[in-house]
């Protein structure tokens, strides 16, 4: 006679359906839809981590940025572009025009050539 086995399934928490553990190396993997392309296909971001909670935290950070519409703005810019926009938006109104000219000149000559191509993650 076979004994009845009790199988308990646990429900995943909201937003955790895309987190799984790879069998090949044991890493945890999560994915999130960050938008749609011109054809209507989903664009996904893949996240890796050592454990399930680490991946869930990373996914929740990205999810929060997507809800605030700041993910696409920052993700596809270099540090040089972002810094230049920041200087124009915030620093220009905080200092005198002559000081701002010096700041922009120093940024373009000294800082931008070194860090302008760095990606923002």
N, C-alpha and C. Protein backbone atom coordinates (compact mmCIF):
# COMPACT_ATOMS: atom_id res chain seq x y z
N UNK A 1 0.82 -1.17 0.00
CA UNK A 1 0.00 0.00 0.00
C UNK A 1 0.87 1.25 0.00
N UNK A 2 0.53 2.18 -0.85
CA UNK A 2 1.31 3.41 -0.93
C UNK A 2 0.79 4.41 0.10
N UNK A 3 1.72 5.05 0.77
CA UNK A 3 1.33 6.07 1.75
C UNK A 3 1.02 7.36 1.01
N UNK A 4 0.04 8.07 1.53
CA UNK A 4 -0.29 9.37 0.94
C UNK A 4 0.77 10.38 1.34
N UNK A 5 1.33 11.00 0.34
CA UNK A 5 2.32 12.03 0.59
C UNK A 5 1.64 13.38 0.57
N UNK A 6 1.98 14.18 1.52
CA UNK A 6 1.43 15.53 1.57
C UNK A 6 2.42 16.45 0.89
N UNK A 7 2.00 17.04 -0.19
CA UNK A 7 2.85 17.97 -0.92
C UNK A 7 2.32 19.37 -0.65
N UNK A 8 3.17 20.19 -0.06
CA UNK A 8 2.76 21.57 0.20
C UNK A 8 3.46 22.49 -0.78
N UNK A 9 2.67 23.26 -1.45
CA UNK A 9 3.24 24.26 -2.37
C UNK A 9 3.12 25.61 -1.69
N UNK A 10 4.19 26.35 -1.78
CA UNK A 10 4.16 27.69 -1.21
C UNK A 10 4.00 28.69 -2.34
N UNK A 11 3.21 29.67 -2.12
CA UNK A 11 2.99 30.71 -3.11
C UNK A 11 4.15 31.70 -3.06
N UNK A 12 4.60 32.07 -4.21
CA UNK A 12 5.67 33.07 -4.27
C UNK A 12 5.09 34.44 -3.95
N UNK A 13 5.94 35.31 -3.44
CA UNK A 13 5.48 36.66 -3.14
C UNK A 13 5.31 37.44 -4.44
N UNK A 14 4.62 38.55 -4.39
CA UNK A 14 4.36 39.36 -5.57
C UNK A 14 5.66 39.84 -6.20
N UNK A 15 5.76 39.70 -7.50
CA UNK A 15 6.94 40.14 -8.23
C UNK A 15 8.10 39.16 -8.19
N UNK A 16 7.92 38.02 -7.57
CA UNK A 16 9.00 37.06 -7.42
C UNK A 16 8.91 35.92 -8.42
N UNK A 17 7.95 35.96 -9.29
CA UNK A 17 7.75 34.88 -10.24
C UNK A 17 8.88 34.75 -11.24
N UNK A 18 9.69 35.76 -11.38
CA UNK A 18 10.77 35.72 -12.35
C UNK A 18 12.11 35.37 -11.72
N UNK A 19 12.12 34.95 -10.48
CA UNK A 19 13.37 34.59 -9.80
C UNK A 19 13.48 33.08 -9.74
N UNK A 20 14.63 32.57 -10.18
CA UNK A 20 14.86 31.13 -10.12
C UNK A 20 16.34 30.86 -9.92
N UNK A 21 16.66 29.61 -9.56
CA UNK A 21 18.04 29.22 -9.35
C UNK A 21 18.48 28.35 -10.52
N UNK A 22 19.61 28.72 -11.13
CA UNK A 22 20.12 27.94 -12.25
C UNK A 22 20.71 26.63 -11.73
N UNK A 23 20.44 25.56 -12.44
CA UNK A 23 20.97 24.26 -12.04
C UNK A 23 22.44 24.11 -12.37
N UNK A 24 22.89 24.79 -13.43
CA UNK A 24 24.27 24.62 -13.89
C UNK A 24 25.30 25.10 -12.88
N UNK A 25 25.09 26.28 -12.29
CA UNK A 25 26.08 26.81 -11.37
C UNK A 25 25.50 27.23 -10.02
N UNK A 26 24.19 27.13 -9.83
CA UNK A 26 23.58 27.45 -8.55
C UNK A 26 23.31 28.92 -8.32
N UNK A 27 23.60 29.77 -9.31
CA UNK A 27 23.35 31.21 -9.14
C UNK A 27 21.86 31.47 -9.24
N UNK A 28 21.43 32.53 -8.55
CA UNK A 28 20.04 32.97 -8.63
C UNK A 28 19.92 34.00 -9.72
N UNK A 29 18.84 33.89 -10.50
CA UNK A 29 18.63 34.75 -11.66
C UNK A 29 17.23 35.35 -11.55
N UNK A 30 17.13 36.62 -11.88
CA UNK A 30 15.83 37.28 -11.91
C UNK A 30 15.74 38.14 -13.15
N UNK A 31 14.53 38.33 -13.65
CA UNK A 31 14.36 39.19 -14.81
C UNK A 31 13.16 40.11 -14.57
N UNK A 32 13.23 41.27 -15.19
CA UNK A 32 12.15 42.25 -15.08
C UNK A 32 11.99 42.93 -16.43
N UNK A 33 10.74 43.21 -16.78
CA UNK A 33 10.46 43.93 -18.02
C UNK A 33 10.68 45.41 -17.78
N UNK A 34 11.55 46.01 -18.59
CA UNK A 34 11.87 47.43 -18.41
C UNK A 34 11.18 48.31 -19.45
N UNK A 35 10.53 47.68 -20.41
CA UNK A 35 9.83 48.46 -21.43
C UNK A 35 9.55 47.62 -22.65
N UNK A 36 9.18 48.29 -23.72
CA UNK A 36 8.85 47.61 -24.96
C UNK A 36 9.55 48.32 -26.11
N UNK A 37 9.98 47.54 -27.11
CA UNK A 37 10.63 48.14 -28.27
C UNK A 37 9.59 48.59 -29.30
N UNK A 38 10.05 49.02 -30.47
CA UNK A 38 9.16 49.56 -31.50
C UNK A 38 8.18 48.52 -32.01
N UNK A 39 8.56 47.25 -32.00
CA UNK A 39 7.70 46.17 -32.49
C UNK A 39 6.72 45.67 -31.44
N UNK A 40 6.85 46.15 -30.21
CA UNK A 40 5.97 45.71 -29.14
C UNK A 40 6.52 44.56 -28.31
N UNK A 41 7.74 44.14 -28.60
CA UNK A 41 8.37 43.07 -27.83
C UNK A 41 8.89 43.61 -26.51
N UNK A 42 8.90 42.75 -25.50
CA UNK A 42 9.39 43.17 -24.18
C UNK A 42 10.90 43.32 -24.19
N UNK A 43 11.39 44.37 -23.51
CA UNK A 43 12.82 44.52 -23.24
C UNK A 43 13.00 44.12 -21.79
N UNK A 44 13.90 43.18 -21.54
CA UNK A 44 14.08 42.65 -20.19
C UNK A 44 15.48 42.95 -19.67
N UNK A 45 15.58 43.10 -18.37
CA UNK A 45 16.86 43.28 -17.67
C UNK A 45 17.06 42.02 -16.83
N UNK A 46 18.20 41.38 -16.97
CA UNK A 46 18.51 40.16 -16.23
C UNK A 46 19.42 40.51 -15.07
N UNK A 47 19.10 40.02 -13.87
CA UNK A 47 19.85 40.28 -12.65
C UNK A 47 20.37 38.96 -12.10
N UNK A 48 21.60 38.96 -11.61
CA UNK A 48 22.21 37.77 -11.02
C UNK A 48 22.58 38.05 -9.57
N UNK A 49 22.58 37.01 -8.75
CA UNK A 49 22.96 37.16 -7.35
C UNK A 49 23.33 35.84 -6.72
N UNK A 50 23.89 35.93 -5.51
CA UNK A 50 24.32 34.73 -4.78
C UNK A 50 23.15 34.02 -4.11
N UNK A 51 22.12 34.80 -3.71
CA UNK A 51 20.97 34.18 -3.07
C UNK A 51 19.69 34.87 -3.55
N UNK A 52 18.56 34.27 -3.17
CA UNK A 52 17.27 34.74 -3.64
C UNK A 52 16.93 36.14 -3.14
N UNK A 53 17.26 36.42 -1.90
CA UNK A 53 16.92 37.74 -1.34
C UNK A 53 17.72 38.85 -2.01
N UNK A 54 18.97 38.58 -2.35
CA UNK A 54 19.80 39.58 -3.04
C UNK A 54 19.19 39.95 -4.39
N UNK A 55 18.76 38.94 -5.13
CA UNK A 55 18.14 39.19 -6.44
C UNK A 55 16.82 39.93 -6.28
N UNK A 56 16.04 39.56 -5.27
CA UNK A 56 14.76 40.23 -5.04
C UNK A 56 14.97 41.71 -4.70
N UNK A 57 16.00 42.02 -3.92
CA UNK A 57 16.29 43.42 -3.58
C UNK A 57 16.69 44.21 -4.82
N UNK A 58 17.55 43.62 -5.65
CA UNK A 58 17.98 44.30 -6.87
C UNK A 58 16.80 44.55 -7.80
N UNK A 59 15.91 43.55 -7.93
CA UNK A 59 14.73 43.71 -8.78
C UNK A 59 13.79 44.79 -8.25
N UNK A 60 13.66 44.87 -6.93
CA UNK A 60 12.76 45.88 -6.37
C UNK A 60 13.32 47.30 -6.59
N UNK A 61 14.66 47.45 -6.54
CA UNK A 61 15.26 48.76 -6.82
C UNK A 61 14.97 49.19 -8.26
N UNK A 62 15.17 48.27 -9.20
CA UNK A 62 14.92 48.59 -10.60
C UNK A 62 13.44 48.85 -10.82
N UNK A 63 12.60 48.06 -10.18
CA UNK A 63 11.15 48.24 -10.30
C UNK A 63 10.73 49.63 -9.81
N UNK A 64 11.31 50.09 -8.71
CA UNK A 64 11.00 51.42 -8.19
C UNK A 64 11.44 52.51 -9.15
N UNK A 65 12.60 52.33 -9.78
CA UNK A 65 13.07 53.31 -10.76
C UNK A 65 12.19 53.33 -12.00
N UNK A 66 11.68 52.15 -12.39
CA UNK A 66 10.80 52.09 -13.55
C UNK A 66 9.48 52.79 -13.24
N UNK A 67 8.95 52.58 -12.04
CA UNK A 67 7.69 53.22 -11.66
C UNK A 67 7.84 54.74 -11.60
N UNK A 68 9.01 55.23 -11.24
CA UNK A 68 9.26 56.68 -11.18
C UNK A 68 9.70 57.26 -12.52
N UNK A 69 9.72 56.41 -13.55
CA UNK A 69 10.14 56.82 -14.90
C UNK A 69 11.57 57.35 -14.94
N UNK A 70 12.43 56.93 -14.04
CA UNK A 70 13.82 57.38 -14.06
C UNK A 70 14.76 56.32 -14.59
N UNK A 71 14.29 55.10 -14.84
CA UNK A 71 15.17 54.02 -15.29
C UNK A 71 15.70 54.29 -16.69
N UNK A 72 14.82 54.56 -17.64
CA UNK A 72 15.25 54.79 -19.01
C UNK A 72 16.10 56.03 -19.14
N UNK A 73 15.83 57.05 -18.35
CA UNK A 73 16.56 58.31 -18.43
C UNK A 73 18.03 58.10 -18.07
N UNK A 74 18.28 57.36 -17.02
CA UNK A 74 19.65 57.19 -16.53
C UNK A 74 20.36 56.04 -17.21
N UNK A 75 19.67 54.96 -17.51
CA UNK A 75 20.30 53.74 -18.01
C UNK A 75 21.03 53.92 -19.34
N UNK A 76 20.54 54.79 -20.20
CA UNK A 76 21.11 54.90 -21.53
C UNK A 76 21.98 56.13 -21.72
N UNK A 77 22.46 56.72 -20.64
CA UNK A 77 23.33 57.88 -20.73
C UNK A 77 24.70 57.55 -20.16
N UNK A 78 25.68 58.28 -20.65
CA UNK A 78 27.02 58.15 -20.08
C UNK A 78 27.14 59.14 -18.92
N UNK A 79 28.17 58.97 -18.13
CA UNK A 79 28.37 59.85 -16.99
C UNK A 79 28.62 61.29 -17.43
N UNK A 80 29.33 61.46 -18.54
CA UNK A 80 29.61 62.81 -19.06
C UNK A 80 28.34 63.55 -19.44
N UNK A 81 27.41 62.85 -20.12
CA UNK A 81 26.14 63.47 -20.50
C UNK A 81 25.33 63.84 -19.27
N UNK A 82 25.28 62.91 -18.33
CA UNK A 82 24.50 63.13 -17.11
C UNK A 82 25.07 64.30 -16.30
N UNK A 83 26.41 64.36 -16.19
CA UNK A 83 27.05 65.43 -15.42
C UNK A 83 26.85 66.78 -16.10
N UNK A 84 26.95 66.82 -17.43
CA UNK A 84 26.72 68.07 -18.16
C UNK A 84 25.31 68.60 -17.95
N UNK A 85 24.33 67.70 -18.01
CA UNK A 85 22.94 68.12 -17.77
C UNK A 85 22.74 68.59 -16.34
N UNK A 86 23.38 67.91 -15.40
CA UNK A 86 23.26 68.31 -14.00
C UNK A 86 23.84 69.70 -13.78
N UNK A 87 25.00 69.97 -14.38
CA UNK A 87 25.60 71.30 -14.24
C UNK A 87 24.67 72.38 -14.79
N UNK A 88 24.08 72.12 -15.95
CA UNK A 88 23.19 73.11 -16.54
C UNK A 88 21.90 73.29 -15.74
N UNK A 89 21.38 72.23 -15.19
CA UNK A 89 20.10 72.30 -14.48
C UNK A 89 20.24 72.87 -13.06
N UNK A 90 21.29 72.49 -12.35
CA UNK A 90 21.37 72.84 -10.93
C UNK A 90 22.46 73.85 -10.59
N UNK A 91 23.60 73.74 -11.22
CA UNK A 91 24.73 74.60 -10.84
C UNK A 91 24.62 75.99 -11.47
N UNK A 92 24.04 76.07 -12.67
CA UNK A 92 23.99 77.35 -13.38
C UNK A 92 23.21 78.40 -12.59
N UNK A 93 22.14 78.01 -11.94
CA UNK A 93 21.33 78.97 -11.19
C UNK A 93 21.88 79.23 -9.79
N UNK A 94 22.85 78.43 -9.35
CA UNK A 94 23.37 78.57 -7.98
C UNK A 94 24.59 79.47 -7.89
N UNK A 95 25.25 79.76 -9.02
CA UNK A 95 26.48 80.56 -9.00
C UNK A 95 26.36 81.71 -10.00
N UNK A 96 27.32 82.61 -9.95
CA UNK A 96 27.32 83.73 -10.89
C UNK A 96 27.70 83.23 -12.28
N UNK A 97 27.34 83.97 -13.34
CA UNK A 97 27.65 83.53 -14.71
C UNK A 97 29.14 83.31 -14.95
N UNK A 98 29.99 84.17 -14.39
CA UNK A 98 31.43 84.01 -14.60
C UNK A 98 31.95 82.75 -13.92
N UNK A 99 31.47 82.47 -12.72
CA UNK A 99 31.86 81.25 -12.02
C UNK A 99 31.40 80.02 -12.79
N UNK A 100 30.19 80.09 -13.32
CA UNK A 100 29.66 78.97 -14.08
C UNK A 100 30.49 78.71 -15.33
N UNK A 101 30.93 79.76 -16.00
CA UNK A 101 31.80 79.60 -17.18
C UNK A 101 33.08 78.85 -16.81
N UNK A 102 33.66 79.18 -15.65
CA UNK A 102 34.86 78.49 -15.19
C UNK A 102 34.59 77.03 -14.87
N UNK A 103 33.44 76.77 -14.27
CA UNK A 103 33.09 75.38 -13.94
C UNK A 103 32.93 74.56 -15.21
N UNK A 104 32.21 75.10 -16.19
CA UNK A 104 31.99 74.39 -17.46
C UNK A 104 33.32 74.17 -18.19
N UNK A 105 34.17 75.20 -18.20
CA UNK A 105 35.48 75.08 -18.86
C UNK A 105 36.30 73.98 -18.21
N UNK A 106 36.38 73.98 -16.87
CA UNK A 106 37.14 72.95 -16.16
C UNK A 106 36.55 71.56 -16.39
N UNK A 107 35.24 71.47 -16.41
CA UNK A 107 34.60 70.18 -16.65
C UNK A 107 34.95 69.66 -18.04
N UNK A 108 34.84 70.51 -19.05
CA UNK A 108 35.10 70.07 -20.42
C UNK A 108 36.57 69.76 -20.69
N UNK A 109 37.47 70.50 -20.06
CA UNK A 109 38.90 70.29 -20.31
C UNK A 109 39.52 69.20 -19.44
N UNK A 110 39.13 69.14 -18.17
CA UNK A 110 39.81 68.25 -17.24
C UNK A 110 39.04 66.98 -16.87
N UNK A 111 37.76 67.09 -16.69
CA UNK A 111 36.98 65.96 -16.17
C UNK A 111 36.36 65.13 -17.30
N UNK A 112 35.71 65.81 -18.24
CA UNK A 112 34.98 65.10 -19.29
C UNK A 112 35.83 64.14 -20.11
N UNK A 113 37.06 64.49 -20.51
CA UNK A 113 37.84 63.53 -21.30
C UNK A 113 38.13 62.22 -20.56
N UNK A 114 38.17 62.26 -19.25
CA UNK A 114 38.50 61.07 -18.48
C UNK A 114 37.28 60.20 -18.20
N UNK A 115 36.17 60.82 -17.84
CA UNK A 115 35.02 60.04 -17.38
C UNK A 115 33.81 60.11 -18.29
N UNK A 116 33.91 60.74 -19.43
CA UNK A 116 32.71 60.96 -20.25
C UNK A 116 32.10 59.68 -20.81
N UNK A 117 32.87 58.65 -21.05
CA UNK A 117 32.35 57.43 -21.66
C UNK A 117 31.94 56.37 -20.65
N UNK A 118 32.01 56.68 -19.36
CA UNK A 118 31.62 55.70 -18.34
C UNK A 118 30.12 55.51 -18.35
N UNK A 119 29.67 54.24 -18.29
CA UNK A 119 28.25 53.94 -18.24
C UNK A 119 27.74 54.06 -16.80
N UNK A 120 26.48 54.44 -16.65
CA UNK A 120 25.86 54.54 -15.35
C UNK A 120 25.03 53.28 -15.12
N UNK A 121 25.25 52.61 -13.98
CA UNK A 121 24.48 51.40 -13.67
C UNK A 121 23.58 51.67 -12.50
